[in-house]
Amino acid sequence: MKRINILLIVLVTGAFALAFAPIGKNETNDKPQIGLEIGNQAPDLKFNDPQGKPIALSSLRGKIVLIDFWASWCGPCRRENPTVVSAYEKFKDSKFKGAKGFAVYSVSLDQNAEAWKKAITADKLNWDTHVSDLKYWSSEAARIYNVRSIPMNFLLDSKGVILAKNLRGPALHTEIDKLVSK
């Protein structure tokens, strides 16, 4: 009988400890776990820009970052690009709580480099962080971020933690505006 009581106490204590364990944190250093949900550390990406130079997402740490998945051949993406451009223009020099500016990390699912470059110019995507592996739907970035349709985006804080995702139209401006120092 005493063994059953001891076993019961151990099980209840273990269950109690698990119930109050922090969720979404790495136990060793209190950093959010890497993942794709709000509150997770966004997985790092490193792909080439149109000139062949690799750019890591992590190189933008310290800024509020919008990871924007799109392609030159995607009609909805091209219609959403003016919203992304206006957000970039409005917020690139803003003062944020705990961040130094705003950046867009554009990830293209193109397979034709010339079409990609022409769309960047035509849509006036005037930031420096455009990347692609030119693998269309086989894009490694799309695989890592579980992208099944585009446009798709993730808004990150200055430490690379996901704050919001799939923001379109006025919702993009609204969410970024919440982060601006007043």
C-alpha atoms as a PDB file:
ATOM      1  CA  MET A   1       0.000   0.000   0.000  1.00  0.00           C
ATOM      2  CA  LYS A   2       2.844   2.395   0.820  1.00  0.00           C
ATOM      3  CA  ARG A   3       4.377   1.807  -2.627  1.00  0.00           C
ATOM      4  CA  ILE A   4       1.122   2.796  -4.296  1.00  0.00           C
ATOM      5  CA  ASN A   5       0.946   5.994  -2.217  1.00  0.00           C
ATOM      6  CA  ILE A   6       4.547   6.887  -3.068  1.00  0.00           C
ATOM      7  CA  LEU A   7       3.940   6.171  -6.754  1.00  0.00           C
ATOM      8  CA  LEU A   8       0.789   8.276  -6.679  1.00  0.00           C
ATOM      9  CA  ILE A   9       2.647  11.183  -5.041  1.00  0.00           C
ATOM     10  CA  VAL A  10       5.419  10.980  -7.666  1.00  0.00           C
ATOM     11  CA  LEU A  11       2.881  10.944 -10.521  1.00  0.00           C
ATOM     12  CA  VAL A  12       0.866  13.864  -9.125  1.00  0.00           C
ATOM     13  CA  THR A  13       4.026  15.895  -8.480  1.00  0.00           C
ATOM     14  CA  GLY A  14       5.262  15.225 -12.027  1.00  0.00           C
ATOM     15  CA  ALA A  15       1.925  16.170 -13.538  1.00  0.00           C
ATOM     16  CA  PHE A  16       1.829  19.361 -11.457  1.00  0.00           C
ATOM     17  CA  ALA A  17       5.348  20.301 -12.591  1.00  0.00           C
ATOM     18  CA  LEU A  18       4.447  19.728 -16.246  1.00  0.00           C
ATOM     19  CA  ALA A  19       1.264  21.761 -15.922  1.00  0.00           C
ATOM     20  CA  PHE A  20       3.242  24.837 -14.912  1.00  0.00           C
ATOM     21  CA  ALA A  21       6.239  24.365 -17.196  1.00  0.00           C
ATOM     22  CA  PRO A  22       6.804  27.289 -19.611  1.00  0.00           C
ATOM     23  CA  ILE A  23       5.301  26.644 -23.036  1.00  0.00           C
ATOM     24  CA  GLY A  24       7.239  27.541 -26.170  1.00  0.00           C
ATOM     25  CA  LYS A  25      10.498  28.243 -24.376  1.00  0.00           C
ATOM     26  CA  ASN A  26      13.762  26.408 -24.641  1.00  0.00           C
ATOM     27  CA  GLU A  27      14.462  25.205 -21.111  1.00  0.00           C
ATOM     28  CA  THR A  28      18.193  25.902 -21.268  1.00  0.00           C
ATOM     29  CA  ASN A  29      18.182  29.574 -22.204  1.00  0.00           C
ATOM     30  CA  ASP A  30      14.599  30.917 -22.097  1.00  0.00           C
ATOM     31  CA  LYS A  31      14.597  31.682 -25.840  1.00  0.00           C
ATOM     32  CA  PRO A  32      11.420  30.901 -27.769  1.00  0.00           C
ATOM     33  CA  GLN A  33      11.502  27.626 -29.637  1.00  0.00           C
ATOM     34  CA  ILE A  34      12.067  27.779 -33.381  1.00  0.00           C
ATOM     35  CA  GLY A  35       8.810  27.362 -35.257  1.00  0.00           C
ATOM     36  CA  LEU A  36       6.137  28.971 -37.382  1.00  0.00           C
ATOM     37  CA  GLU A  37       3.584  29.955 -34.757  1.00  0.00           C
ATOM     38  CA  ILE A  38       3.147  33.385 -33.196  1.00  0.00           C
ATOM     39  CA  GLY A  39       5.625  33.608 -30.314  1.00  0.00           C
ATOM     40  CA  ASN A  40       8.123  31.231 -31.959  1.00  0.00           C
ATOM     41  CA  GLN A  41      11.609  32.177 -33.092  1.00  0.00           C
ATOM     42  CA  ALA A  42      11.396  32.370 -36.889  1.00  0.00           C
ATOM     43  CA  PRO A  43      13.654  29.878 -38.695  1.00  0.00           C
ATOM     44  CA  ASP A  44      16.645  31.589 -40.272  1.00  0.00           C
ATOM     45  CA  LEU A  45      16.923  31.761 -44.039  1.00  0.00           C
ATOM     46  CA  LYS A  46      19.905  32.497 -46.244  1.00  0.00           C
ATOM     47  CA  PHE A  47      19.484  32.757 -49.988  1.00  0.00           C
ATOM     48  CA  ASN A  48      20.960  34.766 -52.846  1.00  0.00           C
ATOM     49  CA  ASP A  49      19.814  38.190 -53.948  1.00  0.00           C
ATOM     50  CA  PRO A  50      19.376  38.994 -57.673  1.00  0.00           C
ATOM     51  CA  GLN A  51      23.129  39.618 -57.981  1.00  0.00           C
ATOM     52  CA  GLY A  52      24.005  36.236 -56.427  1.00  0.00           C
ATOM     53  CA  LYS A  53      25.003  37.595 -53.008  1.00  0.00           C
ATOM     54  CA  PRO A  54      23.704  35.555 -50.035  1.00  0.00           C
ATOM     55  CA  ILE A  55      21.555  37.459 -47.530  1.00  0.00           C
ATOM     56  CA  ALA A  56      20.570  35.905 -44.197  1.00  0.00           C
ATOM     57  CA  LEU A  57      17.300  36.792 -42.545  1.00  0.00           C
ATOM     58  CA  SER A  58      19.230  36.962 -39.259  1.00  0.00           C
ATOM     59  CA  SER A  59      21.310  39.838 -40.696  1.00  0.00           C
ATOM     60  CA  LEU A  60      18.221  42.026 -40.131  1.00  0.00           C
ATOM     61  CA  ARG A  61      18.041  41.374 -36.377  1.00  0.00           C
ATOM     62  CA  GLY A  62      17.451  44.533 -34.434  1.00  0.00           C
ATOM     63  CA  LYS A  63      14.728  45.665 -36.866  1.00  0.00           C
ATOM     64  CA  ILE A  64      11.065  44.863 -37.237  1.00  0.00           C
ATOM     65  CA  VAL A  65      11.034  42.540 -40.278  1.00  0.00           C
ATOM     66  CA  LEU A  66       8.337  41.473 -42.691  1.00  0.00           C
ATOM     67  CA  ILE A  67       9.172  38.198 -44.440  1.00  0.00           C
ATOM     68  CA  ASP A  68       7.155  38.437 -47.644  1.00  0.00           C
ATOM     69  CA  PHE A  69       6.698  35.332 -49.822  1.00  0.00           C
ATOM     70  CA  TRP A  70       5.682  36.252 -53.375  1.00  0.00           C
ATOM     71  CA  ALA A  71       6.493  35.687 -57.076  1.00  0.00           C
ATOM     72  CA  SER A  72       6.454  37.700 -60.302  1.00  0.00           C
ATOM     73  CA  TRP A  73       3.914  35.291 -61.845  1.00  0.00           C
ATOM     74  CA  CYS A  74       1.489  35.545 -58.876  1.00  0.00           C
ATOM     75  CA  GLY A  75      -1.390  37.957 -59.605  1.00  0.00           C
ATOM     76  CA  PRO A  76      -2.539  38.292 -55.964  1.00  0.00           C
ATOM     77  CA  CYS A  77       1.081  38.935 -54.920  1.00  0.00           C
ATOM     78  CA  ARG A  78       1.505  41.671 -57.493  1.00  0.00           C
ATOM     79  CA  ARG A  79      -1.781  43.267 -56.363  1.00  0.00           C
ATOM     80  CA  GLU A  80      -0.577  43.136 -52.726  1.00  0.00           C
ATOM     81  CA  ASN A  81       2.862  44.608 -53.521  1.00  0.00           C
ATOM     82  CA  PRO A  82       1.643  48.252 -53.351  1.00  0.00           C
ATOM     83  CA  THR A  83       0.555  47.583 -49.750  1.00  0.00           C
ATOM     84  CA  VAL A  84       3.991  46.194 -48.884  1.00  0.00           C
ATOM     85  CA  VAL A  85       5.689  49.125 -50.635  1.00  0.00           C
ATOM     86  CA  SER A  86       3.566  51.674 -48.759  1.00  0.00           C
ATOM     87  CA  ALA A  87       4.297  49.903 -45.443  1.00  0.00           C
ATOM     88  CA  TYR A  88       8.012  49.975 -46.203  1.00  0.00           C
ATOM     89  CA  GLU A  89       7.938  53.658 -47.138  1.00  0.00           C
ATOM     90  CA  LYS A  90       5.847  54.566 -44.096  1.00  0.00           C
ATOM     91  CA  PHE A  91       7.787  52.570 -41.492  1.00  0.00           C
ATOM     92  CA  LYS A  92      11.400  52.200 -42.732  1.00  0.00           C
ATOM     93  CA  ASP A  93      12.564  55.227 -40.723  1.00  0.00           C
ATOM     94  CA  SER A  94      10.094  54.953 -37.838  1.00  0.00           C
ATOM     95  CA  LYS A  95      11.122  54.688 -34.213  1.00  0.00           C
ATOM     96  CA  PHE A  96      10.027  51.401 -32.671  1.00  0.00           C
ATOM     97  CA  LYS A  97       9.901  50.087 -29.143  1.00  0.00           C
ATOM     98  CA  GLY A  98      13.037  47.946 -28.877  1.00  0.00           C
ATOM     99  CA  ALA A  99      13.861  47.977 -32.601  1.00  0.00           C
ATOM    100  CA  LYS A 100      15.886  50.080 -35.005  1.00  0.00           C
ATOM    101  CA  GLY A 101      13.742  50.474 -38.091  1.00  0.00           C
ATOM    102  CA  PHE A 102      11.699  48.282 -40.399  1.00  0.00           C
ATOM    103  CA  ALA A 103      12.845  45.983 -43.205  1.00  0.00           C
ATOM    104  CA  VAL A 104      11.243  43.684 -45.751  1.00  0.00           C
ATOM    105  CA  TYR A 105      12.872  40.331 -46.521  1.00  0.00           C
ATOM    106  CA  SER A 106      11.276  39.385 -49.848  1.00  0.00           C
ATOM    107  CA  VAL A 107      11.382  35.701 -50.711  1.00  0.00           C
ATOM    108  CA  SER A 108      10.461  35.000 -54.318  1.00  0.00           C
ATOM    109  CA  LEU A 109       9.126  31.675 -55.550  1.00  0.00           C
ATOM    110  CA  ASP A 110      10.177  32.550 -59.076  1.00  0.00           C
ATOM    111  CA  GLN A 111      12.078  30.227 -61.364  1.00  0.00           C
ATOM    112  CA  ASN A 112      13.016  32.850 -63.947  1.00  0.00           C
ATOM    113  CA  ALA A 113      15.620  35.333 -62.698  1.00  0.00           C
ATOM    114  CA  GLU A 114      14.829  37.939 -65.354  1.00  0.00           C
ATOM    115  CA  ALA A 115      11.093  37.914 -64.599  1.00  0.00           C
ATOM    116  CA  TRP A 116      11.905  38.235 -60.872  1.00  0.00           C
ATOM    117  CA  LYS A 117      14.228  41.218 -61.444  1.00  0.00           C
ATOM    118  CA  LYS A 118      11.740  42.942 -63.766  1.00  0.00           C
ATOM    119  CA  ALA A 119       8.929  42.556 -61.203  1.00  0.00           C
ATOM    120  CA  ILE A 120      11.118  44.048 -58.449  1.00  0.00           C
ATOM    121  CA  THR A 121      11.689  47.100 -60.638  1.00  0.00           C
ATOM    122  CA  ALA A 122       8.145  47.344 -62.036  1.00  0.00           C
ATOM    123  CA  ASP A 123       6.523  47.097 -58.598  1.00  0.00           C
ATOM    124  CA  LYS A 124       9.058  49.526 -57.063  1.00  0.00           C
ATOM    125  CA  LEU A 125      10.150  47.080 -54.358  1.00  0.00           C
ATOM    126  CA  ASN A 126      12.863  49.519 -53.254  1.00  0.00           C
ATOM    127  CA  TRP A 127      14.467  47.586 -50.410  1.00  0.00           C
ATOM    128  CA  ASP A 128      17.731  45.666 -50.621  1.00  0.00           C
ATOM    129  CA  THR A 129      16.709  42.306 -49.234  1.00  0.00           C
ATOM    130  CA  HIS A 130      15.269  40.258 -52.100  1.00  0.00           C
ATOM    131  CA  VAL A 131      16.172  36.564 -52.151  1.00  0.00           C
ATOM    132  CA  SER A 132      15.290  33.438 -54.100  1.00  0.00           C
ATOM    133  CA  ASP A 133      16.687  30.023 -54.921  1.00  0.00           C
ATOM    134  CA  LEU A 134      14.681  30.143 -58.194  1.00  0.00           C
ATOM    135  CA  LYS A 135      13.118  26.741 -57.492  1.00  0.00           C
ATOM    136  CA  TYR A 136       9.452  27.760 -57.894  1.00  0.00           C
ATOM    137  CA  TRP A 137       7.235  25.647 -55.574  1.00  0.00           C
ATOM    138  CA  SER A 138      10.286  23.523 -54.680  1.00  0.00           C
ATOM    139  CA  SER A 139      11.795  26.564 -52.945  1.00  0.00           C
ATOM    140  CA  GLU A 140      13.702  25.625 -49.811  1.00  0.00           C
ATOM    141  CA  ALA A 141      12.443  28.764 -48.050  1.00  0.00           C
ATOM    142  CA  ALA A 142       8.836  27.813 -48.883  1.00  0.00           C
ATOM    143  CA  ARG A 143       9.481  24.317 -47.500  1.00  0.00           C
ATOM    144  CA  ILE A 144      10.980  25.674 -44.268  1.00  0.00           C
ATOM    145  CA  TYR A 145       8.057  28.090 -43.757  1.00  0.00           C
ATOM    146  CA  ASN A 146       5.397  25.623 -44.933  1.00  0.00           C
ATOM    147  CA  VAL A 147       4.254  28.024 -47.658  1.00  0.00           C
ATOM    148  CA  ARG A 148       1.371  26.451 -49.591  1.00  0.00           C
ATOM    149  CA  SER A 149       0.003  29.621 -51.190  1.00  0.00           C
ATOM    150  CA  ILE A 150       1.232  33.128 -51.862  1.00  0.00           C
ATOM    151  CA  PRO A 151       1.238  35.922 -50.970  1.00  0.00           C
ATOM    152  CA  MET A 152       2.148  34.928 -47.435  1.00  0.00           C
ATOM    153  CA  ASN A 153       4.033  36.874 -44.797  1.00  0.00           C
ATOM    154  CA  PHE A 154       5.389  36.819 -41.261  1.00  0.00           C
ATOM    155  CA  LEU A 155       5.988  39.900 -39.093  1.00  0.00           C
ATOM    156  CA  LEU A 156       8.983  39.538 -36.756  1.00  0.00           C
ATOM    157  CA  ASP A 157      10.157  41.560 -33.787  1.00  0.00           C
ATOM    158  CA  SER A 158      13.747  42.760 -33.405  1.00  0.00           C
ATOM    159  CA  LYS A 159      14.818  39.380 -31.998  1.00  0.00           C
ATOM    160  CA  GLY A 160      13.280  37.375 -34.834  1.00  0.00           C
ATOM    161  CA  VAL A 161      10.178  36.261 -32.927  1.00  0.00           C
ATOM    162  CA  ILE A 162       6.974  35.926 -34.964  1.00  0.00           C
ATOM    163  CA  LEU A 163       4.446  38.588 -33.962  1.00  0.00           C
ATOM    164  CA  ALA A 164       1.825  38.053 -36.680  1.00  0.00           C
ATOM    165  CA  LYS A 165       1.355  36.353 -40.018  1.00  0.00           C
ATOM    166  CA  ASN A 166      -0.694  36.596 -43.202  1.00  0.00           C
ATOM    167  CA  LEU A 167      -1.262  40.330 -42.880  1.00  0.00           C
ATOM    168  CA  ARG A 168      -2.842  41.844 -45.964  1.00  0.00           C
ATOM    169  CA  GLY A 169      -4.114  45.251 -46.924  1.00  0.00           C
ATOM    170  CA  PRO A 170      -4.733  47.669 -44.034  1.00  0.00           C
ATOM    171  CA  ALA A 171      -4.061  44.910 -41.465  1.00  0.00           C
ATOM    172  CA  LEU A 172      -0.347  45.088 -42.323  1.00  0.00           C
ATOM    173  CA  HIS A 173      -0.172  48.806 -41.509  1.00  0.00           C
ATOM    174  CA  THR A 174      -2.298  48.360 -38.388  1.00  0.00           C
ATOM    175  CA  GLU A 175      -0.032  45.671 -36.908  1.00  0.00           C
ATOM    176  CA  ILE A 176       3.201  47.520 -37.647  1.00  0.00           C
ATOM    177  CA  ASP A 177       1.732  50.776 -36.318  1.00  0.00           C
ATOM    178  CA  LYS A 178       1.151  49.058 -32.959  1.00  0.00           C
ATOM    179  CA  LEU A 179       4.932  48.656 -32.655  1.00  0.00           C
ATOM    180  CA  VAL A 180       5.850  52.284 -33.329  1.00  0.00           C
ATOM    181  CA  SER A 181       6.962  54.346 -30.336  1.00  0.00           C
ATOM    182  CA  LYS A 182       4.365  57.016 -29.624  1.00  0.00           C
END
